Protein backbone atom coordinates (compact mmCIF):
# COMPACT_ATOMS: atom_id res chain seq x y z
CA UNK A 1 -11.02 5.26 61.94
CA UNK A 2 -10.06 1.69 62.90
CA UNK A 3 -13.10 0.29 61.08
CA UNK A 4 -12.08 2.18 57.95
CA UNK A 5 -8.54 0.77 58.11
CA UNK A 6 -9.87 -2.77 58.54
CA UNK A 7 -12.26 -2.43 55.58
CA UNK A 8 -9.77 -0.85 53.16
CA UNK A 9 -7.73 -3.52 51.41
CA UNK A 10 -6.11 -1.48 48.65
CA UNK A 11 -2.77 -1.22 50.47
CA UNK A 12 -2.85 -4.89 51.33
CA UNK A 13 -3.42 -5.85 47.69
CA UNK A 14 -0.57 -3.64 46.55
CA UNK A 15 1.77 -5.29 49.04
CA UNK A 16 0.68 -8.74 47.88
CA UNK A 17 1.36 -7.84 44.25
CA UNK A 18 4.74 -6.47 45.25
CA UNK A 19 5.60 -9.69 47.05
CA UNK A 20 4.51 -11.75 44.04
CA UNK A 21 6.67 -9.68 41.69
CA UNK A 22 9.64 -10.03 44.04
CA UNK A 23 9.16 -13.81 44.29
CA UNK A 24 8.84 -14.22 40.52
CA UNK A 25 11.95 -12.09 40.02
CA UNK A 26 13.97 -14.16 42.49
CA UNK A 27 12.89 -17.44 40.90
CA UNK A 28 13.74 -16.12 37.42
CA UNK A 29 17.17 -14.93 38.54
CA UNK A 30 17.86 -18.28 40.23
CA UNK A 31 16.86 -20.24 37.13
CA UNK A 32 18.94 -18.05 34.84
CA UNK A 33 21.91 -18.34 37.19
CA UNK A 34 21.69 -22.11 37.29
CA UNK A 35 20.99 -22.66 33.61
CA UNK A 36 22.99 -19.73 32.25
CA UNK A 37 26.32 -21.56 32.32
CA UNK A 38 24.85 -24.67 30.68
CA UNK A 39 23.22 -22.64 27.93
CA UNK A 40 26.44 -20.67 27.35
CA UNK A 41 28.43 -23.90 27.09
CA UNK A 42 25.92 -25.26 24.59
CA UNK A 43 26.26 -22.18 22.38
CA UNK A 44 30.06 -22.33 22.61
CA UNK A 45 30.01 -25.99 21.57
CA UNK A 46 27.72 -25.30 18.64
CA UNK A 47 29.83 -22.32 17.59
CA UNK A 48 33.04 -24.37 17.70
CA UNK A 49 31.36 -27.15 15.72
CA UNK A 50 30.22 -24.72 13.03
CA UNK A 51 33.57 -22.94 12.77
CA UNK A 52 35.55 -26.20 12.63
CA UNK A 53 33.49 -27.55 9.72
CA UNK A 54 33.82 -24.43 7.56
């Protein structure tokens, strides 16, 4: 039974994929949190510039 558990790697692979997805999600959320305000401010500036010229 122990030999079978050592040889089977399907569960281990699934856990690794889960950890990769979690890490990618955290990095994406962190980037969007940091850049979200800057991007929003850029759109607000462009919107004000367009509305003030028309």
